Amino acid sequence: MVAMPWNSTPPSANTRGFDSAHPVLGRAQSGIGFDVTDVALEQVLRSVVSSRPDLAEASTEEAAVVISDRPAGEADFAPHVRVLRIGADQPGRNVLDTLDPSLVLAAATLLAAGYALDRERITTRDPSAPLPNLSARERQVAELLVDGASNKVVARALDISVHTAKFHVTAILEKLGARNRADAVAIILREGLVAI
């Protein structure tokens, strides 16, 4: 799955309950709505959303992103709402084949940030190739990169200099073979290199 910038601007975060800033990153929360028929999966997703400061549960009308396991056409959503369809049999764009809650919420976060998931540009890793070996500090930096942290925020969060943060980010990009930070985040999420 590849996340690409979407041509439209992200929805406003001024709806009820979504104007409080993230304590570290200073960003507004993204409203996530649920239209999931699998009750157990929905409970897990709701639990994880409630524990993340950058996400908040919202109604399907007010949400920036609605997570749905229903086929397109079975449920109607407001035109401004981005829908993340989950399940292997879903056709189209913004579809995630997995039902892994951490990956589903990572994809929903990308959609809320203005990206689109393009199923056609999926690249598969050679199974015989070893996974990149990130050091413990690089894994901490990678977790912050997934949250969208700048070098300055990484430095502040880990109590290191900005130069050292930049050094770690560069090392991660090289180890992953990533072109830029966004590419690195996509690889980190795809390979499950950090827990979300």
C-alpha atoms as a PDB file:
ATOM      1  CA  MET A   1       0.000   0.000   0.000  1.00  0.00           C
ATOM      2  CA  VAL A   2       1.396   3.384  -0.942  1.00  0.00           C
ATOM      3  CA  ALA A   3       0.306   6.666   0.614  1.00  0.00           C
ATOM      4  CA  MET A   4       0.328   9.582  -1.789  1.00  0.00           C
ATOM      5  CA  PRO A   5      -0.587  13.240  -1.269  1.00  0.00           C
ATOM      6  CA  TRP A   6      -4.200  13.858  -2.085  1.00  0.00           C
ATOM      7  CA  ASN A   7      -4.984  16.816  -4.344  1.00  0.00           C
ATOM      8  CA  SER A   8      -7.645  18.245  -2.055  1.00  0.00           C
ATOM      9  CA  THR A   9      -6.970  19.974   1.227  1.00  0.00           C
ATOM     10  CA  PRO A  10      -7.570  18.072   4.466  1.00  0.00           C
ATOM     11  CA  PRO A  11     -10.889  18.700   6.162  1.00  0.00           C
ATOM     12  CA  SER A  12     -11.027  21.389   8.798  1.00  0.00           C
ATOM     13  CA  ALA A  13     -10.419  20.236  12.326  1.00  0.00           C
ATOM     14  CA  ASN A  14     -12.928  22.690  13.761  1.00  0.00           C
ATOM     15  CA  THR A  15     -15.728  20.194  14.310  1.00  0.00           C
ATOM     16  CA  ARG A  16     -16.851  19.440  17.849  1.00  0.00           C
ATOM     17  CA  GLY A  17     -14.102  17.821  19.908  1.00  0.00           C
ATOM     18  CA  PHE A  18     -11.298  18.085  17.350  1.00  0.00           C
ATOM     19  CA  ASP A  19      -9.747  21.449  18.045  1.00  0.00           C
ATOM     20  CA  SER A  20      -7.502  20.461  20.929  1.00  0.00           C
ATOM     21  CA  ALA A  21      -3.837  20.221  20.019  1.00  0.00           C
ATOM     22  CA  HIS A  22      -1.600  17.165  20.350  1.00  0.00           C
ATOM     23  CA  PRO A  23       0.505  17.708  23.511  1.00  0.00           C
ATOM     24  CA  VAL A  24       3.882  17.099  21.815  1.00  0.00           C
ATOM     25  CA  LEU A  25       3.318  17.858  18.153  1.00  0.00           C
ATOM     26  CA  GLY A  26       0.850  20.729  18.550  1.00  0.00           C
ATOM     27  CA  ARG A  27      -1.501  19.296  15.902  1.00  0.00           C
ATOM     28  CA  ALA A  28      -5.264  19.050  16.094  1.00  0.00           C
ATOM     29  CA  GLN A  29      -6.884  15.676  16.653  1.00  0.00           C
ATOM     30  CA  SER A  30      -8.321  13.755  13.710  1.00  0.00           C
ATOM     31  CA  GLY A  31     -11.904  12.564  14.078  1.00  0.00           C
ATOM     32  CA  ILE A  32     -12.339   8.867  13.249  1.00  0.00           C
ATOM     33  CA  GLY A  33     -15.797   7.395  12.619  1.00  0.00           C
ATOM     34  CA  PHE A  34     -16.719   3.722  12.556  1.00  0.00           C
ATOM     35  CA  ASP A  35     -19.024   1.749  10.272  1.00  0.00           C
ATOM     36  CA  VAL A  36     -17.670  -1.710  11.053  1.00  0.00           C
ATOM     37  CA  THR A  37     -19.863  -4.815  11.161  1.00  0.00           C
ATOM     38  CA  ASP A  38     -17.209  -6.876  13.005  1.00  0.00           C
ATOM     39  CA  VAL A  39     -18.060  -5.953  16.617  1.00  0.00           C
ATOM     40  CA  ALA A  40     -14.816  -7.261  18.109  1.00  0.00           C
ATOM     41  CA  LEU A  41     -12.689  -5.334  15.613  1.00  0.00           C
ATOM     42  CA  GLU A  42     -14.726  -2.167  16.214  1.00  0.00           C
ATOM     43  CA  GLN A  43     -14.190  -2.455  19.986  1.00  0.00           C
ATOM     44  CA  VAL A  44     -10.441  -2.823  19.544  1.00  0.00           C
ATOM     45  CA  LEU A  45     -10.324   0.153  17.155  1.00  0.00           C
ATOM     46  CA  ARG A  46     -12.357   2.321  19.547  1.00  0.00           C
ATOM     47  CA  SER A  47     -10.087   1.344  22.426  1.00  0.00           C
ATOM     48  CA  VAL A  48      -6.934   2.261  20.518  1.00  0.00           C
ATOM     49  CA  VAL A  49      -8.427   5.561  19.285  1.00  0.00           C
ATOM     50  CA  SER A  50      -9.347   6.527  22.853  1.00  0.00           C
ATOM     51  CA  SER A  51      -5.741   5.950  23.951  1.00  0.00           C
ATOM     52  CA  ARG A  52      -4.151   8.052  21.190  1.00  0.00           C
ATOM     53  CA  PRO A  53      -3.915  11.809  21.788  1.00  0.00           C
ATOM     54  CA  ASP A  54      -3.891  12.583  18.051  1.00  0.00           C
ATOM     55  CA  LEU A  55      -7.172  10.751  17.364  1.00  0.00           C
ATOM     56  CA  ALA A  56     -10.714  11.183  18.652  1.00  0.00           C
ATOM     57  CA  GLU A  57     -13.876   9.243  17.946  1.00  0.00           C
ATOM     58  CA  ALA A  58     -16.456  11.097  15.861  1.00  0.00           C
ATOM     59  CA  SER A  59     -19.819  10.409  14.280  1.00  0.00           C
ATOM     60  CA  THR A  60     -19.712   9.310  10.644  1.00  0.00           C
ATOM     61  CA  GLU A  61     -21.091  12.733   9.642  1.00  0.00           C
ATOM     62  CA  GLU A  62     -18.389  14.743  11.471  1.00  0.00           C
ATOM     63  CA  ALA A  63     -15.400  12.431  11.045  1.00  0.00           C
ATOM     64  CA  ALA A  64     -12.387  13.285   8.922  1.00  0.00           C
ATOM     65  CA  VAL A  65     -12.138   9.551   8.116  1.00  0.00           C
ATOM     66  CA  VAL A  66     -14.698   6.760   8.442  1.00  0.00           C
ATOM     67  CA  ILE A  67     -13.423   3.195   8.750  1.00  0.00           C
ATOM     68  CA  SER A  68     -15.862   0.813   7.069  1.00  0.00           C
ATOM     69  CA  ASP A  69     -15.882  -2.870   6.208  1.00  0.00           C
ATOM     70  CA  ARG A  70     -18.993  -2.522   4.060  1.00  0.00           C
ATOM     71  CA  PRO A  71     -18.648  -2.526   0.256  1.00  0.00           C
ATOM     72  CA  ALA A  72     -18.896   0.831  -1.511  1.00  0.00           C
ATOM     73  CA  GLY A  73     -22.537   1.667  -2.182  1.00  0.00           C
ATOM     74  CA  GLU A  74     -23.893  -0.140   0.884  1.00  0.00           C
ATOM     75  CA  ALA A  75     -23.418   2.865   3.146  1.00  0.00           C
ATOM     76  CA  ASP A  76     -23.556   6.554   2.225  1.00  0.00           C
ATOM     77  CA  PHE A  77     -21.298   9.102   3.907  1.00  0.00           C
ATOM     78  CA  ALA A  78     -21.069  12.878   3.674  1.00  0.00           C
ATOM     79  CA  PRO A  79     -19.155  14.001   0.569  1.00  0.00           C
ATOM     80  CA  HIS A  80     -16.336  15.613   2.593  1.00  0.00           C
ATOM     81  CA  VAL A  81     -15.640  12.408   4.554  1.00  0.00           C
ATOM     82  CA  ARG A  82     -12.819  10.149   3.431  1.00  0.00           C
ATOM     83  CA  VAL A  83     -13.692   6.469   3.766  1.00  0.00           C
ATOM     84  CA  LEU A  84     -11.097   3.795   4.530  1.00  0.00           C
ATOM     85  CA  ARG A  85     -12.489   0.472   3.362  1.00  0.00           C
ATOM     86  CA  ILE A  86     -10.985  -2.535   5.113  1.00  0.00           C
ATOM     87  CA  GLY A  87     -11.070  -6.151   3.999  1.00  0.00           C
ATOM     88  CA  ALA A  88      -9.457  -8.111   1.175  1.00  0.00           C
ATOM     89  CA  ASP A  89     -12.541  -8.160  -1.055  1.00  0.00           C
ATOM     90  CA  GLN A  90     -12.989  -4.363  -1.212  1.00  0.00           C
ATOM     91  CA  PRO A  91     -12.417  -2.815  -4.663  1.00  0.00           C
ATOM     92  CA  GLY A  92     -11.102   0.682  -5.394  1.00  0.00           C
ATOM     93  CA  ARG A  93      -8.969   3.335  -3.763  1.00  0.00           C
ATOM     94  CA  ASN A  94      -8.351   3.914  -0.041  1.00  0.00           C
ATOM     95  CA  VAL A  95      -8.666   0.196   0.641  1.00  0.00           C
ATOM     96  CA  LEU A  96      -6.609  -1.754   3.146  1.00  0.00           C
ATOM     97  CA  ASP A  97      -6.483  -5.528   2.774  1.00  0.00           C
ATOM     98  CA  THR A  98      -5.602  -6.166   6.409  1.00  0.00           C
ATOM     99  CA  LEU A  99      -7.788  -6.047   9.512  1.00  0.00           C
ATOM    100  CA  ASP A 100      -4.817  -5.424  11.820  1.00  0.00           C
ATOM    101  CA  PRO A 101      -6.050  -2.579  14.100  1.00  0.00           C
ATOM    102  CA  SER A 102      -2.682  -0.790  14.265  1.00  0.00           C
ATOM    103  CA  LEU A 103      -2.335  -0.780  10.478  1.00  0.00           C
ATOM    104  CA  VAL A 104      -5.967   0.267  10.011  1.00  0.00           C
ATOM    105  CA  LEU A 105      -5.491   3.269  12.316  1.00  0.00           C
ATOM    106  CA  ALA A 106      -2.143   4.147  10.717  1.00  0.00           C
ATOM    107  CA  ALA A 107      -3.871   4.208   7.315  1.00  0.00           C
ATOM    108  CA  ALA A 108      -6.767   6.261   8.747  1.00  0.00           C
ATOM    109  CA  THR A 109      -4.246   8.739  10.170  1.00  0.00           C
ATOM    110  CA  LEU A 110      -2.631   9.076   6.737  1.00  0.00           C
ATOM    111  CA  LEU A 111      -6.029   9.690   5.122  1.00  0.00           C
ATOM    112  CA  ALA A 112      -6.908  12.304   7.750  1.00  0.00           C
ATOM    113  CA  ALA A 113      -3.588  14.042   7.023  1.00  0.00           C
ATOM    114  CA  GLY A 114      -4.545  14.415   3.371  1.00  0.00           C
ATOM    115  CA  TYR A 115      -2.981  11.335   1.800  1.00  0.00           C
ATOM    116  CA  ALA A 116      -4.668   8.692  -0.350  1.00  0.00           C
ATOM    117  CA  LEU A 117      -3.905   4.978  -0.416  1.00  0.00           C
ATOM    118  CA  ASP A 118      -3.225   3.654  -3.888  1.00  0.00           C
ATOM    119  CA  ARG A 119      -3.585  -0.092  -4.127  1.00  0.00           C
ATOM    120  CA  GLU A 120      -2.210  -0.156  -7.685  1.00  0.00           C
ATOM    121  CA  ARG A 121       1.253   1.009  -6.612  1.00  0.00           C
ATOM    122  CA  ILE A 122       1.855  -1.713  -4.050  1.00  0.00           C
ATOM    123  CA  THR A 123       5.397  -2.976  -4.008  1.00  0.00           C
ATOM    124  CA  THR A 124       6.285  -6.228  -2.343  1.00  0.00           C
ATOM    125  CA  ARG A 125       9.465  -6.809  -0.426  1.00  0.00           C
ATOM    126  CA  ASP A 126      11.663  -9.708  -1.431  1.00  0.00           C
ATOM    127  CA  PRO A 127      10.916 -12.249   1.342  1.00  0.00           C
ATOM    128  CA  SER A 128      14.517 -13.474   1.259  1.00  0.00           C
ATOM    129  CA  ALA A 129      15.835  -9.948   1.948  1.00  0.00           C
ATOM    130  CA  PRO A 130      16.431  -9.256   5.645  1.00  0.00           C
ATOM    131  CA  LEU A 131      14.432  -6.553   7.380  1.00  0.00           C
ATOM    132  CA  PRO A 132      16.414  -3.388   8.068  1.00  0.00           C
ATOM    133  CA  ASN A 133      18.050  -3.569  11.483  1.00  0.00           C
ATOM    134  CA  LEU A 134      17.286  -0.336  13.341  1.00  0.00           C
ATOM    135  CA  SER A 135      19.030   0.398  16.619  1.00  0.00           C
ATOM    136  CA  ALA A 136      16.947   1.052  19.741  1.00  0.00           C
ATOM    137  CA  ARG A 137      17.422   4.830  19.341  1.00  0.00           C
ATOM    138  CA  GLU A 138      16.555   4.650  15.634  1.00  0.00           C
ATOM    139  CA  ARG A 139      13.343   2.829  16.537  1.00  0.00           C
ATOM    140  CA  GLN A 140      12.452   5.666  18.930  1.00  0.00           C
ATOM    141  CA  VAL A 141      13.123   8.191  16.172  1.00  0.00           C
ATOM    142  CA  ALA A 142      11.125   6.071  13.704  1.00  0.00           C
ATOM    143  CA  GLU A 143       8.114   6.091  16.056  1.00  0.00           C
ATOM    144  CA  LEU A 144       8.278   9.881  16.169  1.00  0.00           C
ATOM    145  CA  LEU A 145       8.633  10.049  12.369  1.00  0.00           C
ATOM    146  CA  VAL A 146       5.428   8.030  12.033  1.00  0.00           C
ATOM    147  CA  ASP A 147       3.745  10.670  14.204  1.00  0.00           C
ATOM    148  CA  GLY A 148       5.012  13.374  11.823  1.00  0.00           C
ATOM    149  CA  ALA A 149       7.629  14.862  14.129  1.00  0.00           C
ATOM    150  CA  SER A 150      10.198  17.316  12.775  1.00  0.00           C
ATOM    151  CA  ASN A 151      13.888  17.060  13.692  1.00  0.00           C
ATOM    152  CA  LYS A 152      13.352  19.725  16.339  1.00  0.00           C
ATOM    153  CA  VAL A 153      10.434  17.790  17.894  1.00  0.00           C
ATOM    154  CA  VAL A 154      12.443  14.535  17.773  1.00  0.00           C
ATOM    155  CA  ALA A 155      15.321  16.278  19.551  1.00  0.00           C
ATOM    156  CA  ARG A 156      13.041  17.703  22.225  1.00  0.00           C
ATOM    157  CA  ALA A 157      11.194  14.415  22.808  1.00  0.00           C
ATOM    158  CA  LEU A 158      14.394  12.363  23.125  1.00  0.00           C
ATOM    159  CA  ASP A 159      16.459  15.051  24.881  1.00  0.00           C
ATOM    160  CA  ILE A 160      19.125  15.095  22.166  1.00  0.00           C
ATOM    161  CA  SER A 161      20.480  17.853  19.929  1.00  0.00           C
ATOM    162  CA  VAL A 162      18.786  18.719  16.635  1.00  0.00           C
ATOM    163  CA  HIS A 163      22.004  17.709  14.861  1.00  0.00           C
ATOM    164  CA  THR A 164      21.878  14.257  16.478  1.00  0.00           C
ATOM    165  CA  ALA A 165      18.184  13.916  15.584  1.00  0.00           C
ATOM    166  CA  LYS A 166      19.013  14.777  11.965  1.00  0.00           C
ATOM    167  CA  PHE A 167      21.839  12.214  12.027  1.00  0.00           C
ATOM    168  CA  HIS A 168      19.414   9.479  13.212  1.00  0.00           C
ATOM    169  CA  VAL A 169      16.800  10.418  10.602  1.00  0.00           C
ATOM    170  CA  THR A 170      19.453  10.250   7.859  1.00  0.00           C
ATOM    171  CA  ALA A 171      20.634   6.850   9.118  1.00  0.00           C
ATOM    172  CA  ILE A 172      17.040   5.553   9.057  1.00  0.00           C
ATOM    173  CA  LEU A 173      16.506   6.832   5.499  1.00  0.00           C
ATOM    174  CA  GLU A 174      19.708   5.120   4.356  1.00  0.00           C
ATOM    175  CA  LYS A 175      18.944   1.802   6.083  1.00  0.00           C
ATOM    176  CA  LEU A 176      15.436   1.712   4.647  1.00  0.00           C
ATOM    177  CA  GLY A 177      16.472   2.891   1.196  1.00  0.00           C
ATOM    178  CA  ALA A 178      13.878   5.670   1.494  1.00  0.00           C
ATOM    179  CA  ARG A 179      13.875   8.757  -0.751  1.00  0.00           C
ATOM    180  CA  ASN A 180      12.457  11.055   1.942  1.00  0.00           C
ATOM    181  CA  ARG A 181      10.717  11.069   5.334  1.00  0.00           C
ATOM    182  CA  ALA A 182       7.298  10.209   3.896  1.00  0.00           C
ATOM    183  CA  ASP A 183       8.765   7.237   2.030  1.00  0.00           C
ATOM    184  CA  ALA A 184      10.485   6.144   5.250  1.00  0.00           C
ATOM    185  CA  VAL A 185       7.184   6.305   7.171  1.00  0.00           C
ATOM    186  CA  ALA A 186       5.487   4.199   4.473  1.00  0.00           C
ATOM    187  CA  ILE A 187       8.256   1.576   4.702  1.00  0.00           C
ATOM    188  CA  ILE A 188       8.200   1.610   8.518  1.00  0.00           C
ATOM    189  CA  LEU A 189       4.433   1.036   8.552  1.00  0.00           C
ATOM    190  CA  ARG A 190       4.467  -1.545   5.759  1.00  0.00           C
ATOM    191  CA  GLU A 191       7.248  -3.594   7.380  1.00  0.00           C
ATOM    192  CA  GLY A 192       5.906  -3.201  10.930  1.00  0.00           C
ATOM    193  CA  LEU A 193       9.245  -1.891  12.190  1.00  0.00           C
ATOM    194  CA  VAL A 194       7.666   0.035  15.056  1.00  0.00           C
ATOM    195  CA  ALA A 195       4.601  -0.565  17.212  1.00  0.00           C
ATOM    196  CA  ILE A 196       1.914   2.008  16.629  1.00  0.00           C
END
